[in-house]
Amino acid sequence: MTTALHTAPEQGEFDTRLQLSQLDRIADSRHAAAELAENYVGLPIGG
């Protein structure tokens, strides 16, 4: 999550574009957003 939301001072153009494409995927895809949320908080117990 940190690498998705923050840039490093030494980050190059390729890494910046990769980061933006990952954020675009999360913003544009309901399934990608759900996957991020599940990975962030954990999967439901017994589900």
N, C-alpha and C. Protein backbone atom coordinates (compact mmCIF):
# COMPACT_ATOMS: atom_id res chain seq x y z
N MET A 1 0.82 -1.18 0.00
CA MET A 1 0.00 0.00 0.00
C MET A 1 0.87 1.25 0.00
N THR A 2 1.95 1.20 0.74
CA THR A 2 2.84 2.36 0.81
C THR A 2 3.42 2.69 -0.56
N THR A 3 3.88 1.67 -1.27
CA THR A 3 4.48 1.92 -2.58
C THR A 3 3.45 2.38 -3.61
N ALA A 4 2.19 2.06 -3.39
CA ALA A 4 1.14 2.51 -4.31
C ALA A 4 0.81 3.99 -4.11
N LEU A 5 0.99 4.48 -2.89
CA LEU A 5 0.55 5.85 -2.58
C LEU A 5 1.67 6.86 -2.41
N HIS A 6 2.90 6.41 -2.27
CA HIS A 6 4.02 7.32 -2.03
C HIS A 6 5.12 7.10 -3.06
N THR A 7 5.78 8.17 -3.42
CA THR A 7 6.90 8.07 -4.35
C THR A 7 8.21 8.23 -3.58
N ALA A 8 9.23 7.60 -4.10
CA ALA A 8 10.57 7.71 -3.51
C ALA A 8 11.34 8.79 -4.27
N PRO A 9 12.23 9.50 -3.60
CA PRO A 9 13.00 10.55 -4.29
C PRO A 9 13.80 10.03 -5.48
N GLU A 10 14.27 8.80 -5.39
CA GLU A 10 15.08 8.23 -6.48
C GLU A 10 14.25 7.50 -7.53
N GLN A 11 12.94 7.55 -7.41
CA GLN A 11 12.06 6.83 -8.32
C GLN A 11 12.17 7.39 -9.73
N GLY A 12 12.34 6.48 -10.68
CA GLY A 12 12.47 6.88 -12.07
C GLY A 12 11.12 6.98 -12.78
N GLU A 13 11.16 7.38 -14.02
CA GLU A 13 9.94 7.56 -14.81
C GLU A 13 9.19 6.24 -14.98
N PHE A 14 9.92 5.15 -15.22
CA PHE A 14 9.27 3.85 -15.39
C PHE A 14 8.48 3.48 -14.15
N ASP A 15 9.10 3.61 -12.98
CA ASP A 15 8.43 3.25 -11.73
C ASP A 15 7.22 4.15 -11.46
N THR A 16 7.34 5.42 -11.81
CA THR A 16 6.22 6.34 -11.63
C THR A 16 5.05 5.94 -12.52
N ARG A 17 5.33 5.59 -13.76
CA ARG A 17 4.26 5.19 -14.68
C ARG A 17 3.63 3.87 -14.26
N LEU A 18 4.45 2.95 -13.75
CA LEU A 18 3.95 1.68 -13.24
C LEU A 18 3.02 1.93 -12.04
N GLN A 19 3.44 2.79 -11.15
CA GLN A 19 2.64 3.14 -9.98
C GLN A 19 1.30 3.74 -10.40
N LEU A 20 1.32 4.65 -11.35
CA LEU A 20 0.08 5.27 -11.82
C LEU A 20 -0.84 4.26 -12.51
N SER A 21 -0.27 3.32 -13.25
CA SER A 21 -1.10 2.32 -13.90
C SER A 21 -1.75 1.40 -12.88
N GLN A 22 -1.05 1.10 -11.79
CA GLN A 22 -1.64 0.28 -10.73
C GLN A 22 -2.77 1.04 -10.04
N LEU A 23 -2.59 2.32 -9.78
CA LEU A 23 -3.65 3.12 -9.18
C LEU A 23 -4.84 3.26 -10.12
N ASP A 24 -4.58 3.43 -11.40
CA ASP A 24 -5.67 3.49 -12.39
C ASP A 24 -6.49 2.21 -12.39
N ARG A 25 -5.82 1.08 -12.29
CA ARG A 25 -6.51 -0.21 -12.27
C ARG A 25 -7.44 -0.29 -11.06
N ILE A 26 -6.97 0.14 -9.91
CA ILE A 26 -7.78 0.10 -8.70
C ILE A 26 -8.97 1.06 -8.83
N ALA A 27 -8.74 2.23 -9.39
CA ALA A 27 -9.80 3.22 -9.54
C ALA A 27 -10.84 2.82 -10.58
N ASP A 28 -10.42 2.10 -11.61
CA ASP A 28 -11.31 1.76 -12.72
C ASP A 28 -11.99 0.42 -12.59
N SER A 29 -11.53 -0.42 -11.70
CA SER A 29 -12.06 -1.78 -11.60
C SER A 29 -12.62 -2.05 -10.21
N ARG A 30 -13.88 -2.35 -10.16
CA ARG A 30 -14.51 -2.69 -8.88
C ARG A 30 -13.86 -3.92 -8.26
N HIS A 31 -13.52 -4.89 -9.10
CA HIS A 31 -12.89 -6.12 -8.62
C HIS A 31 -11.49 -5.84 -8.07
N ALA A 32 -10.74 -4.98 -8.74
CA ALA A 32 -9.40 -4.63 -8.25
C ALA A 32 -9.50 -3.88 -6.93
N ALA A 33 -10.49 -3.00 -6.79
CA ALA A 33 -10.68 -2.28 -5.53
C ALA A 33 -11.05 -3.24 -4.41
N ALA A 34 -11.91 -4.22 -4.71
CA ALA A 34 -12.29 -5.21 -3.70
C ALA A 34 -11.09 -6.07 -3.30
N GLU A 35 -10.28 -6.44 -4.28
CA GLU A 35 -9.08 -7.23 -4.00
C GLU A 35 -8.14 -6.45 -3.07
N LEU A 36 -7.94 -5.18 -3.36
CA LEU A 36 -7.08 -4.35 -2.52
C LEU A 36 -7.64 -4.27 -1.10
N ALA A 37 -8.94 -4.05 -0.98
CA ALA A 37 -9.56 -3.94 0.34
C ALA A 37 -9.42 -5.25 1.12
N GLU A 38 -9.65 -6.37 0.47
CA GLU A 38 -9.54 -7.67 1.14
C GLU A 38 -8.10 -7.94 1.58
N ASN A 39 -7.15 -7.60 0.74
CA ASN A 39 -5.75 -7.80 1.10
C ASN A 39 -5.30 -6.85 2.20
N TYR A 40 -5.88 -5.69 2.24
CA TYR A 40 -5.51 -4.67 3.23
C TYR A 40 -6.04 -5.04 4.63
N VAL A 41 -7.30 -5.44 4.70
CA VAL A 41 -7.90 -5.74 6.00
C VAL A 41 -7.93 -7.22 6.33
N GLY A 42 -7.68 -8.06 5.34
CA GLY A 42 -7.72 -9.51 5.55
C GLY A 42 -9.01 -10.09 5.04
N LEU A 43 -8.94 -11.33 4.65
CA LEU A 43 -10.13 -12.03 4.16
C LEU A 43 -11.04 -12.37 5.34
N PRO A 44 -12.34 -12.52 5.08
CA PRO A 44 -13.26 -12.85 6.17
C PRO A 44 -12.93 -14.23 6.76
N ILE A 45 -13.07 -14.36 8.05
CA ILE A 45 -12.84 -15.62 8.72
C ILE A 45 -14.02 -16.55 8.43
N GLY A 46 -13.69 -17.76 7.98
CA GLY A 46 -14.73 -18.73 7.69
C GLY A 46 -15.47 -18.47 6.39
N GLY A 47 -14.96 -17.57 5.57
CA GLY A 47 -15.68 -17.21 4.35
C GLY A 47 -15.01 -17.75 3.19
